[in-house]
């Protein structure tokens, strides 16, 4: 069985980014999140999901064609972190995450903390980094960032491959 292509528009991460970015065309548009749902995603805490946030997250996932029916709590947390980040900072699939971090002038120490963190420490680093990028007007590539979030502490060989790719493009792009 082959792995789905994370760069194709058909990937779950790309579909979720499209759903979160899409605005309702008219009141009652059931193919898009309403402003309240988008706000709930931007404000949610993946470690302490409230009922209205779970509702907004579930709706976004279903609209993106992601079926959360049999997920464990940790899977909900991972996707909540991704949806929160997309709502907070947007998505730019046109560049590599490492280069985006360098263009946002994220410090080497902050990038190192992100790439070496695991567990709770990793989940705490992600929103901080996203807020910094958003404050500088740059959106991350969620095809890479989402893959890292989904793989960290679960599929470490894959996560390490993503970490090395991020670090490589960061150092190749960062100003000395």
C-alpha atoms as a PDB file:
ATOM      1  CA  UNK A   1       0.000   0.000   0.000  1.00  0.00           C
ATOM      2  CA  UNK A   2       1.457   3.342  -0.992  1.00  0.00           C
ATOM      3  CA  UNK A   3       1.414   6.505   1.077  1.00  0.00           C
ATOM      4  CA  UNK A   4      -0.916   9.291  -0.170  1.00  0.00           C
ATOM      5  CA  UNK A   5       0.832  12.212  -1.847  1.00  0.00           C
ATOM      6  CA  UNK A   6       0.890  15.017   0.737  1.00  0.00           C
ATOM      7  CA  UNK A   7       1.470  17.655  -1.938  1.00  0.00           C
ATOM      8  CA  UNK A   8      -1.636  16.912  -3.990  1.00  0.00           C
ATOM      9  CA  UNK A   9      -4.761  19.041  -3.498  1.00  0.00           C
ATOM     10  CA  UNK A  10      -6.541  15.793  -2.649  1.00  0.00           C
ATOM     11  CA  UNK A  11      -4.484  15.291   0.540  1.00  0.00           C
ATOM     12  CA  UNK A  12      -6.419  15.620   3.812  1.00  0.00           C
ATOM     13  CA  UNK A  13      -4.181  18.497   4.945  1.00  0.00           C
ATOM     14  CA  UNK A  14      -4.762  20.463   1.735  1.00  0.00           C
ATOM     15  CA  UNK A  15      -8.519  19.854   1.872  1.00  0.00           C
ATOM     16  CA  UNK A  16      -8.683  20.996   5.507  1.00  0.00           C
ATOM     17  CA  UNK A  17      -6.709  24.161   4.673  1.00  0.00           C
ATOM     18  CA  UNK A  18      -9.203  24.903   1.881  1.00  0.00           C
ATOM     19  CA  UNK A  19     -12.200  24.367   4.182  1.00  0.00           C
ATOM     20  CA  UNK A  20     -10.804  26.612   6.917  1.00  0.00           C
ATOM     21  CA  UNK A  21      -9.897  29.380   4.437  1.00  0.00           C
ATOM     22  CA  UNK A  22     -13.252  29.277   2.622  1.00  0.00           C
ATOM     23  CA  UNK A  23     -15.796  31.910   3.627  1.00  0.00           C
ATOM     24  CA  UNK A  24     -19.530  31.408   3.475  1.00  0.00           C
ATOM     25  CA  UNK A  25     -20.924  32.738   0.202  1.00  0.00           C
ATOM     26  CA  UNK A  26     -24.306  33.438   1.779  1.00  0.00           C
ATOM     27  CA  UNK A  27     -25.988  33.029   5.138  1.00  0.00           C
ATOM     28  CA  UNK A  28     -26.664  29.351   5.780  1.00  0.00           C
ATOM     29  CA  UNK A  29     -24.022  28.126   3.293  1.00  0.00           C
ATOM     30  CA  UNK A  30     -23.529  24.534   4.470  1.00  0.00           C
ATOM     31  CA  UNK A  31     -20.355  24.031   2.404  1.00  0.00           C
ATOM     32  CA  UNK A  32     -18.298  26.415   4.529  1.00  0.00           C
ATOM     33  CA  UNK A  33     -17.660  27.177   8.177  1.00  0.00           C
ATOM     34  CA  UNK A  34     -19.515  30.135   9.610  1.00  0.00           C
ATOM     35  CA  UNK A  35     -17.661  32.959  11.364  1.00  0.00           C
ATOM     36  CA  UNK A  36     -18.377  31.477  14.787  1.00  0.00           C
ATOM     37  CA  UNK A  37     -16.878  28.127  13.793  1.00  0.00           C
ATOM     38  CA  UNK A  38     -13.824  29.814  12.297  1.00  0.00           C
ATOM     39  CA  UNK A  39     -13.385  31.843  15.492  1.00  0.00           C
ATOM     40  CA  UNK A  40     -13.758  28.696  17.617  1.00  0.00           C
ATOM     41  CA  UNK A  41     -10.946  27.042  15.646  1.00  0.00           C
ATOM     42  CA  UNK A  42      -8.694  30.088  16.005  1.00  0.00           C
ATOM     43  CA  UNK A  43      -9.259  30.167  19.790  1.00  0.00           C
ATOM     44  CA  UNK A  44      -9.234  26.486  20.624  1.00  0.00           C
ATOM     45  CA  UNK A  45      -6.783  24.801  22.965  1.00  0.00           C
ATOM     46  CA  UNK A  46      -6.024  21.309  21.588  1.00  0.00           C
ATOM     47  CA  UNK A  47      -5.311  20.063  25.121  1.00  0.00           C
ATOM     48  CA  UNK A  48      -8.670  21.253  26.520  1.00  0.00           C
ATOM     49  CA  UNK A  49     -11.287  21.113  23.787  1.00  0.00           C
ATOM     50  CA  UNK A  50     -14.659  22.627  24.679  1.00  0.00           C
ATOM     51  CA  UNK A  51     -17.898  21.276  23.176  1.00  0.00           C
ATOM     52  CA  UNK A  52     -18.412  24.149  20.696  1.00  0.00           C
ATOM     53  CA  UNK A  53     -14.781  23.798  19.597  1.00  0.00           C
ATOM     54  CA  UNK A  54     -15.197  20.062  19.075  1.00  0.00           C
ATOM     55  CA  UNK A  55     -18.288  20.850  17.008  1.00  0.00           C
ATOM     56  CA  UNK A  56     -16.399  23.359  14.835  1.00  0.00           C
ATOM     57  CA  UNK A  57     -13.452  20.982  14.469  1.00  0.00           C
ATOM     58  CA  UNK A  58     -15.672  18.022  13.579  1.00  0.00           C
ATOM     59  CA  UNK A  59     -17.548  20.088  11.004  1.00  0.00           C
ATOM     60  CA  UNK A  60     -14.299  21.289   9.399  1.00  0.00           C
ATOM     61  CA  UNK A  61     -12.957  17.730   9.281  1.00  0.00           C
ATOM     62  CA  UNK A  62     -16.155  16.349   7.756  1.00  0.00           C
ATOM     63  CA  UNK A  63     -16.263  19.147   5.148  1.00  0.00           C
ATOM     64  CA  UNK A  64     -12.654  18.228   4.285  1.00  0.00           C
ATOM     65  CA  UNK A  65     -13.615  14.567   3.860  1.00  0.00           C
ATOM     66  CA  UNK A  66     -11.698  13.444   6.946  1.00  0.00           C
ATOM     67  CA  UNK A  67     -13.629  10.846   8.932  1.00  0.00           C
ATOM     68  CA  UNK A  68     -12.988  11.155  12.697  1.00  0.00           C
ATOM     69  CA  UNK A  69     -15.433   8.404  13.708  1.00  0.00           C
ATOM     70  CA  UNK A  70     -13.008   6.043  15.444  1.00  0.00           C
ATOM     71  CA  UNK A  71     -10.267   8.433  16.534  1.00  0.00           C
ATOM     72  CA  UNK A  72      -8.504   8.233  19.860  1.00  0.00           C
ATOM     73  CA  UNK A  73      -8.161  11.412  21.978  1.00  0.00           C
ATOM     74  CA  UNK A  74      -4.549  11.936  20.826  1.00  0.00           C
ATOM     75  CA  UNK A  75      -5.661  11.921  17.182  1.00  0.00           C
ATOM     76  CA  UNK A  76      -8.275  14.585  17.958  1.00  0.00           C
ATOM     77  CA  UNK A  77      -5.530  16.649  19.648  1.00  0.00           C
ATOM     78  CA  UNK A  78      -3.241  16.414  16.618  1.00  0.00           C
ATOM     79  CA  UNK A  79      -5.955  17.465  14.161  1.00  0.00           C
ATOM     80  CA  UNK A  80      -7.143  20.176  16.584  1.00  0.00           C
ATOM     81  CA  UNK A  81      -3.602  21.584  16.654  1.00  0.00           C
ATOM     82  CA  UNK A  82      -3.489  21.572  12.847  1.00  0.00           C
ATOM     83  CA  UNK A  83      -6.940  23.174  12.432  1.00  0.00           C
ATOM     84  CA  UNK A  84      -6.115  25.753  15.115  1.00  0.00           C
ATOM     85  CA  UNK A  85      -2.889  26.616  13.325  1.00  0.00           C
ATOM     86  CA  UNK A  86      -4.579  26.908   9.942  1.00  0.00           C
ATOM     87  CA  UNK A  87      -7.252  29.198  11.396  1.00  0.00           C
ATOM     88  CA  UNK A  88      -4.647  31.254  13.227  1.00  0.00           C
ATOM     89  CA  UNK A  89      -1.925  31.636  10.589  1.00  0.00           C
ATOM     90  CA  UNK A  90      -3.397  30.548   7.248  1.00  0.00           C
ATOM     91  CA  UNK A  91      -1.749  28.247   4.715  1.00  0.00           C
ATOM     92  CA  UNK A  92       0.866  28.836   2.032  1.00  0.00           C
ATOM     93  CA  UNK A  93       1.599  25.670   0.093  1.00  0.00           C
ATOM     94  CA  UNK A  94       3.852  27.515  -2.353  1.00  0.00           C
ATOM     95  CA  UNK A  95       7.045  27.294  -0.316  1.00  0.00           C
ATOM     96  CA  UNK A  96       8.946  25.041   2.031  1.00  0.00           C
ATOM     97  CA  UNK A  97       8.315  25.436   5.758  1.00  0.00           C
ATOM     98  CA  UNK A  98      11.994  25.901   6.589  1.00  0.00           C
ATOM     99  CA  UNK A  99      12.298  28.755   4.080  1.00  0.00           C
ATOM    100  CA  UNK A 100       9.094  30.312   5.435  1.00  0.00           C
ATOM    101  CA  UNK A 101      10.517  30.199   8.967  1.00  0.00           C
ATOM    102  CA  UNK A 102      13.706  31.886   7.742  1.00  0.00           C
ATOM    103  CA  UNK A 103      11.737  34.584   5.857  1.00  0.00           C
ATOM    104  CA  UNK A 104       9.720  35.216   9.036  1.00  0.00           C
ATOM    105  CA  UNK A 105      13.073  35.703  10.792  1.00  0.00           C
ATOM    106  CA  UNK A 106      12.308  33.006  13.331  1.00  0.00           C
ATOM    107  CA  UNK A 107      15.422  32.607  15.444  1.00  0.00           C
ATOM    108  CA  UNK A 108      17.612  29.550  15.139  1.00  0.00           C
ATOM    109  CA  UNK A 109      17.003  28.736  18.803  1.00  0.00           C
ATOM    110  CA  UNK A 110      13.206  28.759  18.318  1.00  0.00           C
ATOM    111  CA  UNK A 111      13.474  26.517  15.243  1.00  0.00           C
ATOM    112  CA  UNK A 112      15.776  24.186  17.192  1.00  0.00           C
ATOM    113  CA  UNK A 113      13.311  24.049  20.099  1.00  0.00           C
ATOM    114  CA  UNK A 114      10.501  23.140  17.697  1.00  0.00           C
ATOM    115  CA  UNK A 115      12.482  20.451  15.910  1.00  0.00           C
ATOM    116  CA  UNK A 116      13.874  18.835  19.079  1.00  0.00           C
ATOM    117  CA  UNK A 117      10.701  18.994  21.182  1.00  0.00           C
ATOM    118  CA  UNK A 118       8.467  15.979  21.691  1.00  0.00           C
ATOM    119  CA  UNK A 119       5.168  15.377  23.501  1.00  0.00           C
ATOM    120  CA  UNK A 120       3.704  18.299  25.452  1.00  0.00           C
ATOM    121  CA  UNK A 121       6.726  20.492  24.772  1.00  0.00           C
ATOM    122  CA  UNK A 122       6.209  20.091  21.015  1.00  0.00           C
ATOM    123  CA  UNK A 123       2.486  20.902  21.271  1.00  0.00           C
ATOM    124  CA  UNK A 124       3.365  24.055  23.235  1.00  0.00           C
ATOM    125  CA  UNK A 125       5.954  25.211  20.682  1.00  0.00           C
ATOM    126  CA  UNK A 126       3.619  25.011  17.688  1.00  0.00           C
ATOM    127  CA  UNK A 127       1.085  27.759  18.626  1.00  0.00           C
ATOM    128  CA  UNK A 128       3.880  30.077  19.771  1.00  0.00           C
ATOM    129  CA  UNK A 129       5.645  29.709  16.455  1.00  0.00           C
ATOM    130  CA  UNK A 130       2.388  30.181  14.527  1.00  0.00           C
ATOM    131  CA  UNK A 131       1.544  33.391  16.374  1.00  0.00           C
ATOM    132  CA  UNK A 132       5.010  34.711  15.589  1.00  0.00           C
ATOM    133  CA  UNK A 133       4.669  33.862  11.889  1.00  0.00           C
ATOM    134  CA  UNK A 134       1.169  35.368  11.735  1.00  0.00           C
ATOM    135  CA  UNK A 135       2.408  38.571  13.397  1.00  0.00           C
ATOM    136  CA  UNK A 136       4.976  38.833  10.603  1.00  0.00           C
ATOM    137  CA  UNK A 137       2.397  38.262   7.884  1.00  0.00           C
ATOM    138  CA  UNK A 138       3.657  34.839   6.794  1.00  0.00           C
ATOM    139  CA  UNK A 139       1.625  31.642   6.617  1.00  0.00           C
ATOM    140  CA  UNK A 140       3.264  28.218   6.970  1.00  0.00           C
ATOM    141  CA  UNK A 141       3.092  25.318   4.559  1.00  0.00           C
ATOM    142  CA  UNK A 142       0.644  23.006   6.312  1.00  0.00           C
ATOM    143  CA  UNK A 143       1.438  20.092   4.039  1.00  0.00           C
ATOM    144  CA  UNK A 144       4.825  19.920   5.792  1.00  0.00           C
ATOM    145  CA  UNK A 145       3.847  21.263   9.214  1.00  0.00           C
ATOM    146  CA  UNK A 146       0.764  19.047   9.426  1.00  0.00           C
ATOM    147  CA  UNK A 147       2.776  15.987   8.441  1.00  0.00           C
ATOM    148  CA  UNK A 148       5.242  16.794  11.238  1.00  0.00           C
ATOM    149  CA  UNK A 149       2.422  17.180  13.779  1.00  0.00           C
ATOM    150  CA  UNK A 150       0.743  13.944  12.705  1.00  0.00           C
ATOM    151  CA  UNK A 151       4.025  11.989  12.783  1.00  0.00           C
ATOM    152  CA  UNK A 152       5.730  13.362  15.934  1.00  0.00           C
ATOM    153  CA  UNK A 153       5.671  10.796  18.756  1.00  0.00           C
ATOM    154  CA  UNK A 154       3.767   8.390  16.501  1.00  0.00           C
ATOM    155  CA  UNK A 155       5.904   7.699  13.418  1.00  0.00           C
ATOM    156  CA  UNK A 156       9.347   8.963  14.410  1.00  0.00           C
ATOM    157  CA  UNK A 157      11.236   7.863  11.257  1.00  0.00           C
ATOM    158  CA  UNK A 158       8.803   9.889   9.152  1.00  0.00           C
ATOM    159  CA  UNK A 159       8.870  12.798  11.614  1.00  0.00           C
ATOM    160  CA  UNK A 160      12.664  12.837  11.526  1.00  0.00           C
ATOM    161  CA  UNK A 161      12.643  12.990   7.726  1.00  0.00           C
ATOM    162  CA  UNK A 162      10.333  16.016   7.886  1.00  0.00           C
ATOM    163  CA  UNK A 163      12.454  17.648  10.620  1.00  0.00           C
ATOM    164  CA  UNK A 164      15.605  17.272   8.526  1.00  0.00           C
ATOM    165  CA  UNK A 165      13.872  18.737   5.464  1.00  0.00           C
ATOM    166  CA  UNK A 166      12.651  21.720   7.510  1.00  0.00           C
ATOM    167  CA  UNK A 167      16.088  22.276   9.069  1.00  0.00           C
ATOM    168  CA  UNK A 168      17.837  21.974   5.700  1.00  0.00           C
ATOM    169  CA  UNK A 169      15.666  24.563   3.986  1.00  0.00           C
ATOM    170  CA  UNK A 170      15.773  26.843   7.044  1.00  0.00           C
ATOM    171  CA  UNK A 171      19.580  26.916   7.125  1.00  0.00           C
ATOM    172  CA  UNK A 172      19.833  27.187   3.335  1.00  0.00           C
ATOM    173  CA  UNK A 173      17.546  30.254   3.418  1.00  0.00           C
ATOM    174  CA  UNK A 174      18.451  31.947   6.736  1.00  0.00           C
ATOM    175  CA  UNK A 175      20.690  34.982   6.660  1.00  0.00           C
ATOM    176  CA  UNK A 176      24.042  34.445   8.413  1.00  0.00           C
END
